[in-house]
């Protein structure tokens, strides 16, 4: 049924649960799996060397988050790929899903209520609203 699954991973407890689900789905469906980790852009006004220091810190954290996802996922027979992207999480997830022709997005959700979600918006709400493929939210 699914051939290309995308896992949006931020290291949270919900994302860890989503990783377990995505890994099992990939194994059951013999699907490839792509993990996406995003980080916020570093403001240019920081200047050097502060800009480089902040960027290095964010990339190091993203690498650690990605390593955690790989540990949770384990072996994915059809293949496991990853991407670390700069920018807002929802936009990064949607862009990768579209560019890589993923047929399922799996991600965790914190389960904010409707009012809180309306006021601040959530990554999962944005992805569900704009994705071209099914989205599986894991609490």
C-alpha atoms as a PDB file:
ATOM      1  CA  UNK A   1       0.000   0.000   0.000  1.00  0.00           C
ATOM      2  CA  UNK A   2       2.655   2.559   1.018  1.00  0.00           C
ATOM      3  CA  UNK A   3       5.993   2.662  -0.795  1.00  0.00           C
ATOM      4  CA  UNK A   4       7.599   5.903   0.431  1.00  0.00           C
ATOM      5  CA  UNK A   5       6.991   6.979   4.008  1.00  0.00           C
ATOM      6  CA  UNK A   6       8.175  10.258   5.487  1.00  0.00           C
ATOM      7  CA  UNK A   7       8.734  10.576   9.242  1.00  0.00           C
ATOM      8  CA  UNK A   8       8.818  14.100  10.665  1.00  0.00           C
ATOM      9  CA  UNK A   9      10.957  13.846  13.804  1.00  0.00           C
ATOM     10  CA  UNK A  10      11.751  16.456  16.448  1.00  0.00           C
ATOM     11  CA  UNK A  11      12.823  14.216  19.324  1.00  0.00           C
ATOM     12  CA  UNK A  12       9.693  14.757  21.428  1.00  0.00           C
ATOM     13  CA  UNK A  13       7.889  11.866  23.130  1.00  0.00           C
ATOM     14  CA  UNK A  14       5.139  12.006  20.504  1.00  0.00           C
ATOM     15  CA  UNK A  15       7.756  11.942  17.731  1.00  0.00           C
ATOM     16  CA  UNK A  16       9.398   8.913  19.347  1.00  0.00           C
ATOM     17  CA  UNK A  17       6.058   7.093  19.339  1.00  0.00           C
ATOM     18  CA  UNK A  18       5.532   8.160  15.719  1.00  0.00           C
ATOM     19  CA  UNK A  19       8.975   6.764  14.828  1.00  0.00           C
ATOM     20  CA  UNK A  20       8.004   3.363  16.214  1.00  0.00           C
ATOM     21  CA  UNK A  21       4.792   3.397  14.156  1.00  0.00           C
ATOM     22  CA  UNK A  22       6.597   4.586  11.003  1.00  0.00           C
ATOM     23  CA  UNK A  23       9.259   1.903  11.377  1.00  0.00           C
ATOM     24  CA  UNK A  24       6.664  -0.852  11.718  1.00  0.00           C
ATOM     25  CA  UNK A  25       4.662   0.476   8.767  1.00  0.00           C
ATOM     26  CA  UNK A  26       7.808   0.571   6.623  1.00  0.00           C
ATOM     27  CA  UNK A  27       8.685  -3.012   7.538  1.00  0.00           C
ATOM     28  CA  UNK A  28       5.126  -4.336   7.021  1.00  0.00           C
ATOM     29  CA  UNK A  29       4.656  -2.568   3.673  1.00  0.00           C
ATOM     30  CA  UNK A  30       8.283  -3.066   2.525  1.00  0.00           C
ATOM     31  CA  UNK A  31       8.411   0.712   2.108  1.00  0.00           C
ATOM     32  CA  UNK A  32      11.373   3.041   2.140  1.00  0.00           C
ATOM     33  CA  UNK A  33      11.497   5.545   4.976  1.00  0.00           C
ATOM     34  CA  UNK A  34      12.806   9.106   4.996  1.00  0.00           C
ATOM     35  CA  UNK A  35      13.352  10.994   8.250  1.00  0.00           C
ATOM     36  CA  UNK A  36      13.136  14.795   8.207  1.00  0.00           C
ATOM     37  CA  UNK A  37      14.536  16.972  10.978  1.00  0.00           C
ATOM     38  CA  UNK A  38      14.299  20.747  10.715  1.00  0.00           C
ATOM     39  CA  UNK A  39      15.871  23.572  12.680  1.00  0.00           C
ATOM     40  CA  UNK A  40      15.030  27.247  12.944  1.00  0.00           C
ATOM     41  CA  UNK A  41      17.076  29.613  10.791  1.00  0.00           C
ATOM     42  CA  UNK A  42      19.858  31.520  12.498  1.00  0.00           C
ATOM     43  CA  UNK A  43      19.250  35.288  12.342  1.00  0.00           C
ATOM     44  CA  UNK A  44      21.748  37.004  10.049  1.00  0.00           C
ATOM     45  CA  UNK A  45      21.999  39.998  12.369  1.00  0.00           C
ATOM     46  CA  UNK A  46      24.103  37.941  14.802  1.00  0.00           C
ATOM     47  CA  UNK A  47      27.183  38.513  12.671  1.00  0.00           C
ATOM     48  CA  UNK A  48      30.398  36.538  12.885  1.00  0.00           C
ATOM     49  CA  UNK A  49      31.530  34.617  14.904  1.00  0.00           C
ATOM     50  CA  UNK A  50      28.171  34.415  16.734  1.00  0.00           C
ATOM     51  CA  UNK A  51      26.294  33.410  13.579  1.00  0.00           C
ATOM     52  CA  UNK A  52      28.626  30.470  12.929  1.00  0.00           C
ATOM     53  CA  UNK A  53      28.540  29.419  16.582  1.00  0.00           C
ATOM     54  CA  UNK A  54      24.716  29.410  16.621  1.00  0.00           C
ATOM     55  CA  UNK A  55      24.539  27.541  13.303  1.00  0.00           C
ATOM     56  CA  UNK A  56      27.006  24.908  14.503  1.00  0.00           C
ATOM     57  CA  UNK A  57      24.974  24.418  17.669  1.00  0.00           C
ATOM     58  CA  UNK A  58      21.719  23.974  15.765  1.00  0.00           C
ATOM     59  CA  UNK A  59      23.273  21.523  13.318  1.00  0.00           C
ATOM     60  CA  UNK A  60      24.807  19.528  16.155  1.00  0.00           C
ATOM     61  CA  UNK A  61      21.441  19.328  17.895  1.00  0.00           C
ATOM     62  CA  UNK A  62      19.768  18.266  14.626  1.00  0.00           C
ATOM     63  CA  UNK A  63      22.371  15.502  14.211  1.00  0.00           C
ATOM     64  CA  UNK A  64      21.646  14.270  17.743  1.00  0.00           C
ATOM     65  CA  UNK A  65      17.888  14.270  17.078  1.00  0.00           C
ATOM     66  CA  UNK A  66      18.448  12.362  13.834  1.00  0.00           C
ATOM     67  CA  UNK A  67      20.645   9.795  15.597  1.00  0.00           C
ATOM     68  CA  UNK A  68      17.837   9.234  18.119  1.00  0.00           C
ATOM     69  CA  UNK A  69      15.362   8.646  15.281  1.00  0.00           C
ATOM     70  CA  UNK A  70      17.701   6.127  13.645  1.00  0.00           C
ATOM     71  CA  UNK A  71      18.137   4.312  16.963  1.00  0.00           C
ATOM     72  CA  UNK A  72      14.372   4.021  17.462  1.00  0.00           C
ATOM     73  CA  UNK A  73      13.689   2.977  13.864  1.00  0.00           C
ATOM     74  CA  UNK A  74      16.230   0.197  13.702  1.00  0.00           C
ATOM     75  CA  UNK A  75      16.646  -1.725  10.454  1.00  0.00           C
ATOM     76  CA  UNK A  76      14.442  -0.667   7.542  1.00  0.00           C
ATOM     77  CA  UNK A  77      14.937  -3.310   4.825  1.00  0.00           C
ATOM     78  CA  UNK A  78      13.669  -1.137   1.935  1.00  0.00           C
ATOM     79  CA  UNK A  79      15.999   1.711   2.883  1.00  0.00           C
ATOM     80  CA  UNK A  80      16.326   4.574   5.332  1.00  0.00           C
ATOM     81  CA  UNK A  81      17.291   8.076   4.248  1.00  0.00           C
ATOM     82  CA  UNK A  82      17.374  11.328   6.157  1.00  0.00           C
ATOM     83  CA  UNK A  83      17.375  15.060   5.637  1.00  0.00           C
ATOM     84  CA  UNK A  84      18.196  17.955   7.929  1.00  0.00           C
ATOM     85  CA  UNK A  85      16.588  21.179   6.744  1.00  0.00           C
ATOM     86  CA  UNK A  86      16.665  24.798   7.834  1.00  0.00           C
ATOM     87  CA  UNK A  87      13.336  26.520   8.172  1.00  0.00           C
ATOM     88  CA  UNK A  88       9.895  26.222   9.708  1.00  0.00           C
ATOM     89  CA  UNK A  89       9.041  22.573  10.381  1.00  0.00           C
ATOM     90  CA  UNK A  90       5.681  22.424   8.581  1.00  0.00           C
ATOM     91  CA  UNK A  91       7.059  23.978   5.414  1.00  0.00           C
ATOM     92  CA  UNK A  92      10.102  21.682   5.446  1.00  0.00           C
ATOM     93  CA  UNK A  93       7.946  18.572   5.894  1.00  0.00           C
ATOM     94  CA  UNK A  94       5.547  19.574   3.125  1.00  0.00           C
ATOM     95  CA  UNK A  95       8.345  20.453   0.707  1.00  0.00           C
ATOM     96  CA  UNK A  96      10.167  17.152   1.233  1.00  0.00           C
ATOM     97  CA  UNK A  97       6.943  15.134   0.948  1.00  0.00           C
ATOM     98  CA  UNK A  98       6.110  16.816  -2.352  1.00  0.00           C
ATOM     99  CA  UNK A  99       9.641  16.786  -3.784  1.00  0.00           C
ATOM    100  CA  UNK A 100      10.314  13.159  -2.827  1.00  0.00           C
ATOM    101  CA  UNK A 101       6.808  11.950  -3.808  1.00  0.00           C
ATOM    102  CA  UNK A 102       6.092  10.422  -0.412  1.00  0.00           C
ATOM    103  CA  UNK A 103       2.750   8.655  -0.137  1.00  0.00           C
ATOM    104  CA  UNK A 104       2.418   8.901   3.663  1.00  0.00           C
ATOM    105  CA  UNK A 105       3.611  11.358   6.309  1.00  0.00           C
ATOM    106  CA  UNK A 106       3.901  10.096   9.889  1.00  0.00           C
ATOM    107  CA  UNK A 107       4.384  12.569  12.715  1.00  0.00           C
ATOM    108  CA  UNK A 108       3.714  13.042  16.394  1.00  0.00           C
ATOM    109  CA  UNK A 109       1.269  15.525  17.812  1.00  0.00           C
ATOM    110  CA  UNK A 110       1.089  17.062  21.235  1.00  0.00           C
ATOM    111  CA  UNK A 111      -2.690  17.015  21.102  1.00  0.00           C
ATOM    112  CA  UNK A 112      -3.353  20.709  21.656  1.00  0.00           C
ATOM    113  CA  UNK A 113      -6.994  21.617  21.986  1.00  0.00           C
ATOM    114  CA  UNK A 114      -8.812  23.381  19.184  1.00  0.00           C
ATOM    115  CA  UNK A 115      -8.618  26.789  20.810  1.00  0.00           C
ATOM    116  CA  UNK A 116      -4.885  26.573  21.499  1.00  0.00           C
ATOM    117  CA  UNK A 117      -4.296  25.233  18.006  1.00  0.00           C
ATOM    118  CA  UNK A 118      -6.280  28.087  16.490  1.00  0.00           C
ATOM    119  CA  UNK A 119      -4.398  30.706  18.467  1.00  0.00           C
ATOM    120  CA  UNK A 120      -0.847  29.519  17.900  1.00  0.00           C
ATOM    121  CA  UNK A 121      -1.226  26.940  15.131  1.00  0.00           C
ATOM    122  CA  UNK A 122       0.599  23.659  15.207  1.00  0.00           C
ATOM    123  CA  UNK A 123       2.964  21.950  12.845  1.00  0.00           C
ATOM    124  CA  UNK A 124       0.703  18.911  12.575  1.00  0.00           C
ATOM    125  CA  UNK A 125      -2.361  21.065  11.769  1.00  0.00           C
ATOM    126  CA  UNK A 126      -0.468  22.865   9.017  1.00  0.00           C
ATOM    127  CA  UNK A 127       0.812  19.607   7.540  1.00  0.00           C
ATOM    128  CA  UNK A 128      -2.634  17.965   7.605  1.00  0.00           C
ATOM    129  CA  UNK A 129      -4.199  21.024   5.985  1.00  0.00           C
ATOM    130  CA  UNK A 130      -1.690  21.298   3.128  1.00  0.00           C
ATOM    131  CA  UNK A 131      -0.274  17.813   2.466  1.00  0.00           C
ATOM    132  CA  UNK A 132      -0.845  16.161  -0.898  1.00  0.00           C
ATOM    133  CA  UNK A 133      -0.772  12.703   0.711  1.00  0.00           C
ATOM    134  CA  UNK A 134      -2.287  11.056   3.810  1.00  0.00           C
ATOM    135  CA  UNK A 135      -0.925  12.137   7.205  1.00  0.00           C
ATOM    136  CA  UNK A 136      -0.860   9.798  10.187  1.00  0.00           C
ATOM    137  CA  UNK A 137      -0.736  11.654  13.511  1.00  0.00           C
ATOM    138  CA  UNK A 138       0.505   9.754  16.546  1.00  0.00           C
ATOM    139  CA  UNK A 139      -0.197  10.891  20.095  1.00  0.00           C
END
